Amino acid sequence: MSEEVTWLIIGFLGQFFFSMRFIIQWIISEKEKKSVIPMAFWYFSLLGGTTLLAYATYRGDPVFILGQSLGIFIYARNIYLIYHEKPRTNSV
């Protein structure tokens, strides 16, 4: 398999991961009958963004690289915040 085909597979895999986050969010929201963002959304965002960043870097696309770099930071930060969230108290 050529290097170009390998990178095309990586690019399509990244798109698949990135698309899965919306599908999972939609399924969970339908099940809950309200808008929900499950943890899997953030994990697929991070996985898809990282894979697409690798592909964008290979292609040398500065617009795509910048966009995915910012996204990866946001996804990782959301995962961090969720895991370090303190229980809220209802004090008014």
C-alpha atoms as a PDB file:
ATOM      1  CA  MET A   1       0.000   0.000   0.000  1.00  0.00           C
ATOM      2  CA  SER A   2       1.398   3.392  -0.947  1.00  0.00           C
ATOM      3  CA  GLU A   3       2.009   6.192   1.522  1.00  0.00           C
ATOM      4  CA  GLU A   4      -0.699   8.283  -0.149  1.00  0.00           C
ATOM      5  CA  VAL A   5      -3.314   5.529   0.298  1.00  0.00           C
ATOM      6  CA  THR A   6      -2.282   5.070   3.936  1.00  0.00           C
ATOM      7  CA  TRP A   7      -2.806   8.775   4.610  1.00  0.00           C
ATOM      8  CA  LEU A   8      -6.144   8.751   2.805  1.00  0.00           C
ATOM      9  CA  ILE A   9      -7.251   5.907   5.098  1.00  0.00           C
ATOM     10  CA  ILE A  10      -6.080   7.923   8.130  1.00  0.00           C
ATOM     11  CA  GLY A  11      -8.019  10.951   6.859  1.00  0.00           C
ATOM     12  CA  PHE A  12     -11.209   8.949   6.331  1.00  0.00           C
ATOM     13  CA  LEU A  13     -10.774   7.280   9.727  1.00  0.00           C
ATOM     14  CA  GLY A  14     -10.497  10.710  11.347  1.00  0.00           C
ATOM     15  CA  GLN A  15     -13.678  11.818   9.592  1.00  0.00           C
ATOM     16  CA  PHE A  16     -15.418   8.644  10.792  1.00  0.00           C
ATOM     17  CA  PHE A  17     -14.395   9.287  14.422  1.00  0.00           C
ATOM     18  CA  PHE A  18     -15.434  12.909  14.146  1.00  0.00           C
ATOM     19  CA  SER A  19     -18.824  11.971  12.672  1.00  0.00           C
ATOM     20  CA  MET A  20     -19.460   9.342  15.350  1.00  0.00           C
ATOM     21  CA  ARG A  21     -19.579  12.032  18.020  1.00  0.00           C
ATOM     22  CA  PHE A  22     -22.688  13.555  16.406  1.00  0.00           C
ATOM     23  CA  ILE A  23     -24.343  10.188  15.919  1.00  0.00           C
ATOM     24  CA  ILE A  24     -23.741   9.204  19.561  1.00  0.00           C
ATOM     25  CA  GLN A  25     -24.970  12.591  20.804  1.00  0.00           C
ATOM     26  CA  TRP A  26     -28.115  12.281  18.687  1.00  0.00           C
ATOM     27  CA  ILE A  27     -28.890   8.706  19.844  1.00  0.00           C
ATOM     28  CA  ILE A  28     -28.407   9.561  23.536  1.00  0.00           C
ATOM     29  CA  SER A  29     -30.458  12.749  23.233  1.00  0.00           C
ATOM     30  CA  GLU A  30     -33.305  10.860  21.540  1.00  0.00           C
ATOM     31  CA  LYS A  31     -33.191   8.217  24.259  1.00  0.00           C
ATOM     32  CA  GLU A  32     -33.224  10.842  27.039  1.00  0.00           C
ATOM     33  CA  LYS A  33     -35.759  13.074  25.223  1.00  0.00           C
ATOM     34  CA  LYS A  34     -33.489  16.079  25.840  1.00  0.00           C
ATOM     35  CA  SER A  35     -30.220  17.435  24.530  1.00  0.00           C
ATOM     36  CA  VAL A  36     -27.354  15.536  26.164  1.00  0.00           C
ATOM     37  CA  ILE A  37     -23.617  15.618  25.509  1.00  0.00           C
ATOM     38  CA  PRO A  38     -22.222  12.268  26.691  1.00  0.00           C
ATOM     39  CA  MET A  39     -18.532  11.689  27.515  1.00  0.00           C
ATOM     40  CA  ALA A  40     -18.225   9.616  24.337  1.00  0.00           C
ATOM     41  CA  PHE A  41     -18.866  12.837  22.387  1.00  0.00           C
ATOM     42  CA  TRP A  42     -15.719  14.395  23.854  1.00  0.00           C
ATOM     43  CA  TYR A  43     -13.623  11.242  23.388  1.00  0.00           C
ATOM     44  CA  PHE A  44     -14.640  10.892  19.739  1.00  0.00           C
ATOM     45  CA  SER A  45     -14.006  14.634  19.278  1.00  0.00           C
ATOM     46  CA  LEU A  46     -10.479  14.242  20.664  1.00  0.00           C
ATOM     47  CA  LEU A  47      -9.781  11.052  18.705  1.00  0.00           C
ATOM     48  CA  GLY A  48     -11.189  12.446  15.460  1.00  0.00           C
ATOM     49  CA  GLY A  49      -9.478  15.811  15.904  1.00  0.00           C
ATOM     50  CA  THR A  50      -6.102  14.208  16.605  1.00  0.00           C
ATOM     51  CA  THR A  51      -6.387  11.867  13.624  1.00  0.00           C
ATOM     52  CA  LEU A  52      -7.489  14.711  11.341  1.00  0.00           C
ATOM     53  CA  LEU A  53      -4.626  16.888  12.631  1.00  0.00           C
ATOM     54  CA  ALA A  54      -2.163  14.149  11.651  1.00  0.00           C
ATOM     55  CA  TYR A  55      -3.738  14.011   8.198  1.00  0.00           C
ATOM     56  CA  ALA A  56      -3.768  17.826   7.850  1.00  0.00           C
ATOM     57  CA  THR A  57      -0.108  17.961   8.883  1.00  0.00           C
ATOM     58  CA  TYR A  58       0.767  15.354   6.268  1.00  0.00           C
ATOM     59  CA  ARG A  59      -1.125  17.382   3.642  1.00  0.00           C
ATOM     60  CA  GLY A  60       0.528  20.608   4.820  1.00  0.00           C
ATOM     61  CA  ASP A  61      -2.794  22.469   5.085  1.00  0.00           C
ATOM     62  CA  PRO A  62      -2.283  25.389   7.524  1.00  0.00           C
ATOM     63  CA  VAL A  63      -6.006  26.237   7.742  1.00  0.00           C
ATOM     64  CA  PHE A  64      -6.947  22.662   8.601  1.00  0.00           C
ATOM     65  CA  ILE A  65      -3.979  22.356  11.014  1.00  0.00           C
ATOM     66  CA  LEU A  66      -4.974  25.513  12.907  1.00  0.00           C
ATOM     67  CA  GLY A  67      -8.629  24.501  13.107  1.00  0.00           C
ATOM     68  CA  GLN A  68      -7.912  21.005  14.401  1.00  0.00           C
ATOM     69  CA  SER A  69      -5.252  22.235  16.853  1.00  0.00           C
ATOM     70  CA  LEU A  70      -7.706  24.596  18.519  1.00  0.00           C
ATOM     71  CA  GLY A  71     -10.399  21.908  18.587  1.00  0.00           C
ATOM     72  CA  ILE A  72      -8.089  19.360  20.236  1.00  0.00           C
ATOM     73  CA  PHE A  73      -7.315  21.848  23.016  1.00  0.00           C
ATOM     74  CA  ILE A  74     -11.040  22.492  23.585  1.00  0.00           C
ATOM     75  CA  TYR A  75     -11.951  18.782  23.622  1.00  0.00           C
ATOM     76  CA  ALA A  76      -9.131  17.909  26.013  1.00  0.00           C
ATOM     77  CA  ARG A  77     -10.057  20.819  28.280  1.00  0.00           C
ATOM     78  CA  ASN A  78     -13.698  19.702  28.421  1.00  0.00           C
ATOM     79  CA  ILE A  79     -12.655  16.162  29.367  1.00  0.00           C
ATOM     80  CA  TYR A  80     -10.381  17.583  32.076  1.00  0.00           C
ATOM     81  CA  LEU A  81     -13.127  19.838  33.448  1.00  0.00           C
ATOM     82  CA  ILE A  82     -15.649  16.999  33.548  1.00  0.00           C
ATOM     83  CA  TYR A  83     -13.269  14.724  35.457  1.00  0.00           C
ATOM     84  CA  HIS A  84     -12.345  17.485  37.903  1.00  0.00           C
ATOM     85  CA  GLU A  85     -15.858  18.841  38.385  1.00  0.00           C
ATOM     86  CA  LYS A  86     -16.736  19.433  42.008  1.00  0.00           C
ATOM     87  CA  PRO A  87     -20.181  18.461  43.238  1.00  0.00           C
ATOM     88  CA  ARG A  88     -22.451  21.477  43.377  1.00  0.00           C
ATOM     89  CA  THR A  89     -24.349  22.455  46.457  1.00  0.00           C
ATOM     90  CA  ASN A  90     -27.701  24.166  46.309  1.00  0.00           C
ATOM     91  CA  SER A  91     -26.977  27.107  48.567  1.00  0.00           C
ATOM     92  CA  VAL A  92     -28.905  30.222  47.690  1.00  0.00           C
END
